[in-house]
Amino acid sequence: MPAKTKEEKLFGAACVYVTLERSGMSPEANELYLSTLAELQLPPEDVERYLGTERMAVEKALARHGQTPG
């Protein structure tokens, strides 16, 4: 299996972030999110920056896979 690109890693981490956010949890304090960042070797700032420009794409992808807002 080929290695994930940085864009793919950011997208995956952003999906975890938004899913936790929607459930009322603080992603920054959640072990699942922190473990995801560690596994993907991403700093939280990169994910936040990514969400600043790509949140709509993340929201659409989650909606396509049954994750509804709120």
PDB file of N, CA and C in Angstrom:
ATOM      1  N   MET A   1       0.846  -1.171   0.000  1.00  0.00           N
ATOM      2  CA  MET A   1       0.000   0.000   0.000  1.00  0.00           C
ATOM      3  C   MET A   1       0.897   1.242   0.000  1.00  0.00           C
ATOM      4  N   PRO A   2       0.666   2.163  -0.926  1.00  0.00           N
ATOM      5  CA  PRO A   2       1.514   3.353  -0.988  1.00  0.00           C
ATOM      6  C   PRO A   2       1.304   4.250   0.234  1.00  0.00           C
ATOM      7  N   ALA A   3       2.340   4.977   0.572  1.00  0.00           N
ATOM      8  CA  ALA A   3       2.255   5.908   1.701  1.00  0.00           C
ATOM      9  C   ALA A   3       1.248   7.004   1.403  1.00  0.00           C
ATOM     10  N   LYS A   4       0.602   7.471   2.446  1.00  0.00           N
ATOM     11  CA  LYS A   4      -0.373   8.549   2.288  1.00  0.00           C
ATOM     12  C   LYS A   4       0.353   9.858   2.028  1.00  0.00           C
ATOM     13  N   THR A   5      -0.249  10.680   1.189  1.00  0.00           N
ATOM     14  CA  THR A   5       0.294  12.009   0.955  1.00  0.00           C
ATOM     15  C   THR A   5      -0.028  12.888   2.161  1.00  0.00           C
ATOM     16  N   LYS A   6       0.648  14.002   2.264  1.00  0.00           N
ATOM     17  CA  LYS A   6       0.346  14.926   3.365  1.00  0.00           C
ATOM     18  C   LYS A   6      -1.104  15.403   3.264  1.00  0.00           C
ATOM     19  N   GLU A   7      -1.582  15.647   2.049  1.00  0.00           N
ATOM     20  CA  GLU A   7      -2.974  16.079   1.846  1.00  0.00           C
ATOM     21  C   GLU A   7      -3.944  15.022   2.375  1.00  0.00           C
ATOM     22  N   GLU A   8      -3.679  13.754   2.099  1.00  0.00           N
ATOM     23  CA  GLU A   8      -4.536  12.667   2.594  1.00  0.00           C
ATOM     24  C   GLU A   8      -4.502  12.584   4.118  1.00  0.00           C
ATOM     25  N   LYS A   9      -3.322  12.755   4.698  1.00  0.00           N
ATOM     26  CA  LYS A   9      -3.202  12.736   6.154  1.00  0.00           C
ATOM     27  C   LYS A   9      -3.981  13.889   6.776  1.00  0.00           C
ATOM     28  N   LEU A  10      -3.840  15.076   6.198  1.00  0.00           N
ATOM     29  CA  LEU A  10      -4.553  16.243   6.719  1.00  0.00           C
ATOM     30  C   LEU A  10      -6.059  16.047   6.617  1.00  0.00           C
ATOM     31  N   PHE A  11      -6.508  15.511   5.494  1.00  0.00           N
ATOM     32  CA  PHE A  11      -7.939  15.279   5.308  1.00  0.00           C
ATOM     33  C   PHE A  11      -8.467  14.297   6.355  1.00  0.00           C
ATOM     34  N   GLY A  12      -7.751  13.206   6.582  1.00  0.00           N
ATOM     35  CA  GLY A  12      -8.172  12.216   7.574  1.00  0.00           C
ATOM     36  C   GLY A  12      -8.229  12.791   8.977  1.00  0.00           C
ATOM     37  N   ALA A  13      -7.195  13.526   9.357  1.00  0.00           N
ATOM     38  CA  ALA A  13      -7.168  14.136  10.681  1.00  0.00           C
ATOM     39  C   ALA A  13      -8.277  15.179  10.811  1.00  0.00           C
ATOM     40  N   ALA A  14      -8.532  15.911   9.738  1.00  0.00           N
ATOM     41  CA  ALA A  14      -9.602  16.918   9.757  1.00  0.00           C
ATOM     42  C   ALA A  14     -10.968  16.247   9.923  1.00  0.00           C
ATOM     43  N   CYS A  15     -11.158  15.098   9.311  1.00  0.00           N
ATOM     44  CA  CYS A  15     -12.419  14.361   9.470  1.00  0.00           C
ATOM     45  C   CYS A  15     -12.621  13.936  10.924  1.00  0.00           C
ATOM     46  N   VAL A  16     -11.568  13.451  11.560  1.00  0.00           N
ATOM     47  CA  VAL A  16     -11.654  13.075  12.967  1.00  0.00           C
ATOM     48  C   VAL A  16     -11.976  14.317  13.796  1.00  0.00           C
ATOM     49  N   TYR A  17     -11.293  15.418  13.527  1.00  0.00           N
ATOM     50  CA  TYR A  17     -11.505  16.669  14.256  1.00  0.00           C
ATOM     51  C   TYR A  17     -12.962  17.112  14.167  1.00  0.00           C
ATOM     52  N   VAL A  18     -13.494  17.183  12.955  1.00  0.00           N
ATOM     53  CA  VAL A  18     -14.865  17.671  12.758  1.00  0.00           C
ATOM     54  C   VAL A  18     -15.877  16.706  13.378  1.00  0.00           C
ATOM     55  N   THR A  19     -15.646  15.422  13.264  1.00  0.00           N
ATOM     56  CA  THR A  19     -16.555  14.441  13.862  1.00  0.00           C
ATOM     57  C   THR A  19     -16.619  14.612  15.378  1.00  0.00           C
ATOM     58  N   LEU A  20     -15.473  14.778  16.010  1.00  0.00           N
ATOM     59  CA  LEU A  20     -15.450  14.996  17.454  1.00  0.00           C
ATOM     60  C   LEU A  20     -16.106  16.328  17.816  1.00  0.00           C
ATOM     61  N   GLU A  21     -15.807  17.339  17.050  1.00  0.00           N
ATOM     62  CA  GLU A  21     -16.383  18.661  17.270  1.00  0.00           C
ATOM     63  C   GLU A  21     -17.914  18.598  17.220  1.00  0.00           C
ATOM     64  N   ARG A  22     -18.435  17.885  16.228  1.00  0.00           N
ATOM     65  CA  ARG A  22     -19.892  17.736  16.076  1.00  0.00           C
ATOM     66  C   ARG A  22     -20.523  17.004  17.247  1.00  0.00           C
ATOM     67  N   SER A  23     -19.776  16.101  17.856  1.00  0.00           N
ATOM     68  CA  SER A  23     -20.324  15.326  18.966  1.00  0.00           C
ATOM     69  C   SER A  23     -20.222  16.082  20.293  1.00  0.00           C
ATOM     70  N   GLY A  24     -19.721  17.295  20.244  1.00  0.00           N
ATOM     71  CA  GLY A  24     -19.623  18.116  21.439  1.00  0.00           C
ATOM     72  C   GLY A  24     -18.347  17.909  22.236  1.00  0.00           C
ATOM     73  N   MET A  25     -17.424  17.131  21.692  1.00  0.00           N
ATOM     74  CA  MET A  25     -16.149  16.889  22.378  1.00  0.00           C
ATOM     75  C   MET A  25     -15.114  17.895  21.890  1.00  0.00           C
ATOM     76  N   SER A  26     -14.152  18.162  22.724  1.00  0.00           N
ATOM     77  CA  SER A  26     -13.041  19.027  22.345  1.00  0.00           C
ATOM     78  C   SER A  26     -11.977  18.169  21.660  1.00  0.00           C
ATOM     79  N   PRO A  27     -11.795  18.329  20.356  1.00  0.00           N
ATOM     80  CA  PRO A  27     -10.793  17.509  19.675  1.00  0.00           C
ATOM     81  C   PRO A  27      -9.400  17.649  20.281  1.00  0.00           C
ATOM     82  N   GLU A  28      -9.051  18.866  20.698  1.00  0.00           N
ATOM     83  CA  GLU A  28      -7.713  19.116  21.236  1.00  0.00           C
ATOM     84  C   GLU A  28      -7.434  18.334  22.516  1.00  0.00           C
ATOM     85  N   ALA A  29      -8.489  17.900  23.216  1.00  0.00           N
ATOM     86  CA  ALA A  29      -8.331  17.173  24.470  1.00  0.00           C
ATOM     87  C   ALA A  29      -8.741  15.703  24.330  1.00  0.00           C
ATOM     88  N   ASN A  30      -8.972  15.243  23.116  1.00  0.00           N
ATOM     89  CA  ASN A  30      -9.462  13.886  22.899  1.00  0.00           C
ATOM     90  C   ASN A  30      -8.323  12.957  22.502  1.00  0.00           C
ATOM     91  N   GLU A  31      -8.246  11.825  23.169  1.00  0.00           N
ATOM     92  CA  GLU A  31      -7.156  10.867  22.919  1.00  0.00           C
ATOM     93  C   GLU A  31      -7.173  10.332  21.485  1.00  0.00           C
ATOM     94  N   LEU A  32      -8.363  10.104  20.927  1.00  0.00           N
ATOM     95  CA  LEU A  32      -8.452   9.612  19.546  1.00  0.00           C
ATOM     96  C   LEU A  32      -7.799  10.604  18.582  1.00  0.00           C
ATOM     97  N   TYR A  33      -8.121  11.868  18.727  1.00  0.00           N
ATOM     98  CA  TYR A  33      -7.548  12.894  17.845  1.00  0.00           C
ATOM     99  C   TYR A  33      -6.044  13.025  18.058  1.00  0.00           C
ATOM    100  N   LEU A  34      -5.633  13.056  19.322  1.00  0.00           N
ATOM    101  CA  LEU A  34      -4.208  13.194  19.609  1.00  0.00           C
ATOM    102  C   LEU A  34      -3.414  11.993  19.093  1.00  0.00           C
ATOM    103  N   SER A  35      -3.985  10.803  19.205  1.00  0.00           N
ATOM    104  CA  SER A  35      -3.333   9.597  18.674  1.00  0.00           C
ATOM    105  C   SER A  35      -3.261   9.638  17.154  1.00  0.00           C
ATOM    106  N   THR A  36      -4.333  10.147  16.539  1.00  0.00           N
ATOM    107  CA  THR A  36      -4.344  10.281  15.081  1.00  0.00           C
ATOM    108  C   THR A  36      -3.230  11.204  14.630  1.00  0.00           C
ATOM    109  N   LEU A  37      -3.091  12.334  15.309  1.00  0.00           N
ATOM    110  CA  LEU A  37      -2.021  13.279  14.962  1.00  0.00           C
ATOM    111  C   LEU A  37      -0.648  12.625  15.106  1.00  0.00           C
ATOM    112  N   ALA A  38      -0.462  11.894  16.191  1.00  0.00           N
ATOM    113  CA  ALA A  38       0.830  11.240  16.426  1.00  0.00           C
ATOM    114  C   ALA A  38       1.121  10.194  15.349  1.00  0.00           C
ATOM    115  N   GLU A  39       0.114   9.380  15.031  1.00  0.00           N
ATOM    116  CA  GLU A  39       0.303   8.328  14.028  1.00  0.00           C
ATOM    117  C   GLU A  39       0.609   8.913  12.647  1.00  0.00           C
ATOM    118  N   LEU A  40      -0.066  10.002  12.321  1.00  0.00           N
ATOM    119  CA  LEU A  40       0.131  10.624  11.010  1.00  0.00           C
ATOM    120  C   LEU A  40       1.292  11.620  11.001  1.00  0.00           C
ATOM    121  N   GLN A  41       1.885  11.823  12.155  1.00  0.00           N
ATOM    122  CA  GLN A  41       3.005  12.751  12.319  1.00  0.00           C
ATOM    123  C   GLN A  41       2.644  14.154  11.826  1.00  0.00           C
ATOM    124  N   LEU A  42       1.514  14.647  12.356  1.00  0.00           N
ATOM    125  CA  LEU A  42       1.029  15.977  11.994  1.00  0.00           C
ATOM    126  C   LEU A  42       0.931  16.845  13.241  1.00  0.00           C
ATOM    127  N   PRO A  43       1.377  18.088  13.149  1.00  0.00           N
ATOM    128  CA  PRO A  43       1.122  19.014  14.256  1.00  0.00           C
ATOM    129  C   PRO A  43      -0.309  19.531  14.178  1.00  0.00           C
ATOM    130  N   PRO A  44      -0.939  19.799  15.309  1.00  0.00           N
ATOM    131  CA  PRO A  44      -2.325  20.268  15.292  1.00  0.00           C
ATOM    132  C   PRO A  44      -2.507  21.551  14.488  1.00  0.00           C
ATOM    133  N   GLU A  45      -1.490  22.395  14.462  1.00  0.00           N
ATOM    134  CA  GLU A  45      -1.584  23.651  13.710  1.00  0.00           C
ATOM    135  C   GLU A  45      -1.811  23.404  12.227  1.00  0.00           C
ATOM    136  N   ASP A  46      -1.198  22.350  11.702  1.00  0.00           N
ATOM    137  CA  ASP A  46      -1.377  22.032  10.275  1.00  0.00           C
ATOM    138  C   ASP A  46      -2.827  21.648   9.981  1.00  0.00           C
ATOM    139  N   VAL A  47      -3.439  20.888  10.889  1.00  0.00           N
ATOM    140  CA  VAL A  47      -4.831  20.467  10.696  1.00  0.00           C
ATOM    141  C   VAL A  47      -5.756  21.678  10.809  1.00  0.00           C
ATOM    142  N   GLU A  48      -5.496  22.533  11.770  1.00  0.00           N
ATOM    143  CA  GLU A  48      -6.313  23.742  11.921  1.00  0.00           C
ATOM    144  C   GLU A  48      -6.214  24.631  10.690  1.00  0.00           C
ATOM    145  N   ARG A  49      -5.020  24.777  10.170  1.00  0.00           N
ATOM    146  CA  ARG A  49      -4.809  25.570   8.950  1.00  0.00           C
ATOM    147  C   ARG A  49      -5.541  24.924   7.770  1.00  0.00           C
ATOM    148  N   TYR A  50      -5.453  23.612   7.665  1.00  0.00           N
ATOM    149  CA  TYR A  50      -6.142  22.875   6.607  1.00  0.00           C
ATOM    150  C   TYR A  50      -7.651  23.091   6.701  1.00  0.00           C
ATOM    151  N   LEU A  51      -8.191  22.990   7.910  1.00  0.00           N
ATOM    152  CA  LEU A  51      -9.630  23.204   8.089  1.00  0.00           C
ATOM    153  C   LEU A  51     -10.031  24.633   7.741  1.00  0.00           C
ATOM    154  N   GLY A  52      -9.128  25.576   7.923  1.00  0.00           N
ATOM    155  CA  GLY A  52      -9.415  26.959   7.580  1.00  0.00           C
ATOM    156  C   GLY A  52      -9.724  27.145   6.109  1.00  0.00           C
ATOM    157  N   THR A  53      -9.165  26.286   5.271  1.00  0.00           N
ATOM    158  CA  THR A  53      -9.398  26.410   3.824  1.00  0.00           C
ATOM    159  C   THR A  53     -10.235  25.276   3.249  1.00  0.00           C
ATOM    160  N   GLU A  54     -10.271  24.129   3.921  1.00  0.00           N
ATOM    161  CA  GLU A  54     -10.910  22.944   3.348  1.00  0.00           C
ATOM    162  C   GLU A  54     -12.078  22.398   4.169  1.00  0.00           C
ATOM    163  N   ARG A  55     -12.578  23.170   5.133  1.00  0.00           N
ATOM    164  CA  ARG A  55     -13.658  22.675   5.993  1.00  0.00           C
ATOM    165  C   ARG A  55     -14.865  22.223   5.175  1.00  0.00           C
ATOM    166  N   MET A  56     -15.232  22.972   4.144  1.00  0.00           N
ATOM    167  CA  MET A  56     -16.408  22.619   3.345  1.00  0.00           C
ATOM    168  C   MET A  56     -16.234  21.238   2.696  1.00  0.00           C
ATOM    169  N   ALA A  57     -15.054  20.953   2.190  1.00  0.00           N
ATOM    170  CA  ALA A  57     -14.792  19.643   1.577  1.00  0.00           C
ATOM    171  C   ALA A  57     -14.892  18.528   2.616  1.00  0.00           C
ATOM    172  N   VAL A  58     -14.393  18.780   3.815  1.00  0.00           N
ATOM    173  CA  VAL A  58     -14.472  17.795   4.890  1.00  0.00           C
ATOM    174  C   VAL A  58     -15.935  17.566   5.271  1.00  0.00           C
ATOM    175  N   GLU A  59     -16.688  18.657   5.437  1.00  0.00           N
ATOM    176  CA  GLU A  59     -18.108  18.557   5.781  1.00  0.00           C
ATOM    177  C   GLU A  59     -18.877  17.768   4.722  1.00  0.00           C
ATOM    178  N   LYS A  60     -18.606  18.041   3.451  1.00  0.00           N
ATOM    179  CA  LYS A  60     -19.286  17.325   2.361  1.00  0.00           C
ATOM    180  C   LYS A  60     -18.944  15.840   2.376  1.00  0.00           C
ATOM    181  N   ALA A  61     -17.684  15.529   2.609  1.00  0.00           N
ATOM    182  CA  ALA A  61     -17.272  14.122   2.644  1.00  0.00           C
ATOM    183  C   ALA A  61     -17.944  13.384   3.800  1.00  0.00           C
ATOM    184  N   LEU A  62     -18.008  14.018   4.952  1.00  0.00           N
ATOM    185  CA  LEU A  62     -18.667  13.385   6.094  1.00  0.00           C
ATOM    186  C   LEU A  62     -20.159  13.215   5.833  1.00  0.00           C
ATOM    187  N   ALA A  63     -20.774  14.177   5.184  1.00  0.00           N
ATOM    188  CA  ALA A  63     -22.201  14.074   4.856  1.00  0.00           C
ATOM    189  C   ALA A  63     -22.447  12.910   3.882  1.00  0.00           C
ATOM    190  N   ARG A  64     -21.561  12.715   2.935  1.00  0.00           N
ATOM    191  CA  ARG A  64     -21.688  11.603   1.978  1.00  0.00           C
ATOM    192  C   ARG A  64     -21.572  10.252   2.684  1.00  0.00           C
ATOM    193  N   HIS A  65     -20.892  10.223   3.792  1.00  0.00           N
ATOM    194  CA  HIS A  65     -20.684   8.959   4.506  1.00  0.00           C
ATOM    195  C   HIS A  65     -21.554   8.860   5.757  1.00  0.00           C
ATOM    196  N   GLY A  66     -22.648   9.607   5.774  1.00  0.00           N
ATOM    197  CA  GLY A  66     -23.629   9.445   6.831  1.00  0.00           C
ATOM    198  C   GLY A  66     -23.398  10.248   8.092  1.00  0.00           C
ATOM    199  N   GLN A  67     -22.421  11.126   8.098  1.00  0.00           N
ATOM    200  CA  GLN A  67     -22.169  11.970   9.267  1.00  0.00           C
ATOM    201  C   GLN A  67     -22.919  13.281   9.071  1.00  0.00           C
ATOM    202  N   THR A  68     -24.008  13.449   9.780  1.00  0.00           N
ATOM    203  CA  THR A  68     -24.776  14.681   9.642  1.00  0.00           C
ATOM    204  C   THR A  68     -24.360  15.698  10.686  1.00  0.00           C
ATOM    205  N   PRO A  69     -24.433  16.982  10.365  1.00  0.00           N
ATOM    206  CA  PRO A  69     -24.037  18.010  11.330  1.00  0.00           C
ATOM    207  C   PRO A  69     -24.880  17.980  12.590  1.00  0.00           C
ATOM    208  N   GLY A  70     -24.228  18.377  13.696  1.00  0.00           N
ATOM    209  CA  GLY A  70     -24.892  18.590  14.969  1.00  0.00           C
ATOM    210  C   GLY A  70     -25.450  17.367  15.528  1.00  0.00           C
TER     211      GLY A  70
END
